[in-house]
Every structure is written in structure tokens, then in C-alpha cells.
């Protein structure tokens, strides 16, 4: 994760953006991260119709 953050920070810096990584306390549960990303997308008005989404139930 640390190397990935370094790479992302470099890419963001090259584009005039700032990387704001999530607090390590919340990096243990992928479900929580996916839910947060979905919430932020919904708040931004971005949605994906179910028939256009890739859903694989395990």
C-alpha cells in the first residue's frame, strides 16, 4: 500500500492534484472502501444502471 501511495502521490503531483489517502484504520475492510466510493459517486450524481454493471455473486 505504501508503494502504491507513493506512485499515486507522484501522479497526482504531476497533475496539480493532491492525494488524500484514507486513514489506515479504515483500510482493512474492502467492503467499507467500496461502500464509501459508491456513496461519494452517488453524492456526485454518478450512477450506473444495474443492467450496465458487472455483478458477480459468490
Protein backbone atom coordinates (compact mmCIF):
# COMPACT_ATOMS: atom_id res chain seq x y z
CA UNK A 1 0.00 0.00 0.00
CA UNK A 2 2.82 2.39 0.79
CA UNK A 3 4.45 1.97 -2.63
CA UNK A 4 1.08 2.42 -4.33
CA UNK A 5 0.51 5.64 -2.38
CA UNK A 6 3.95 6.91 -3.41
CA UNK A 7 3.13 6.25 -7.05
CA UNK A 8 -0.28 7.88 -6.76
CA UNK A 9 1.21 10.90 -4.97
CA UNK A 10 3.71 11.32 -7.83
CA UNK A 11 0.98 11.06 -10.47
CA UNK A 12 -1.25 13.50 -8.60
CA UNK A 13 1.61 15.97 -8.16
CA UNK A 14 2.31 15.88 -11.90
CA UNK A 15 -1.31 16.85 -12.50
CA UNK A 16 -1.59 19.53 -9.84
CA UNK A 17 -3.73 17.34 -7.59
CA UNK A 18 -3.31 16.22 -4.00
CA UNK A 19 -3.58 12.61 -2.84
CA UNK A 20 -5.76 12.26 0.24
CA UNK A 21 -5.37 8.64 1.30
CA UNK A 22 -7.90 7.14 3.66
CA UNK A 23 -6.92 6.69 7.29
CA UNK A 24 -5.22 3.34 7.91
CA UNK A 25 -7.93 2.41 10.42
CA UNK A 26 -10.34 2.09 7.52
CA UNK A 27 -8.03 0.24 5.09
CA UNK A 28 -8.74 -3.21 6.50
CA UNK A 29 -12.19 -3.76 5.06
CA UNK A 30 -12.59 -3.64 1.28
CA UNK A 31 -16.36 -3.63 1.66
CA UNK A 32 -16.20 -0.38 3.62
CA UNK A 33 -13.96 1.19 0.99
CA UNK A 34 -16.25 0.10 -1.83
CA UNK A 35 -19.27 1.44 0.05
CA UNK A 36 -17.52 4.78 0.64
CA UNK A 37 -16.58 5.05 -3.04
CA UNK A 38 -20.19 4.28 -4.00
CA UNK A 39 -21.51 6.86 -1.57
CA UNK A 40 -19.18 9.54 -2.95
CA UNK A 41 -20.19 8.68 -6.52
CA UNK A 42 -23.88 8.87 -5.61
CA UNK A 43 -23.36 12.24 -3.92
CA UNK A 44 -21.65 13.45 -7.10
CA UNK A 45 -24.65 12.32 -9.17
CA UNK A 46 -22.85 9.41 -10.80
CA UNK A 47 -24.92 6.26 -11.08
CA UNK A 48 -24.71 3.01 -13.04
CA UNK A 49 -27.88 1.22 -14.15
CA UNK A 50 -27.99 -2.37 -12.91
CA UNK A 51 -28.09 -3.73 -16.46
CA UNK A 52 -24.79 -1.94 -17.17
CA UNK A 53 -23.00 -3.08 -14.04
CA UNK A 54 -20.94 -6.21 -13.63
CA UNK A 55 -22.28 -8.13 -10.66
CA UNK A 56 -20.86 -11.49 -9.66
CA UNK A 57 -22.34 -13.10 -6.58
CA UNK A 58 -20.12 -15.58 -4.79
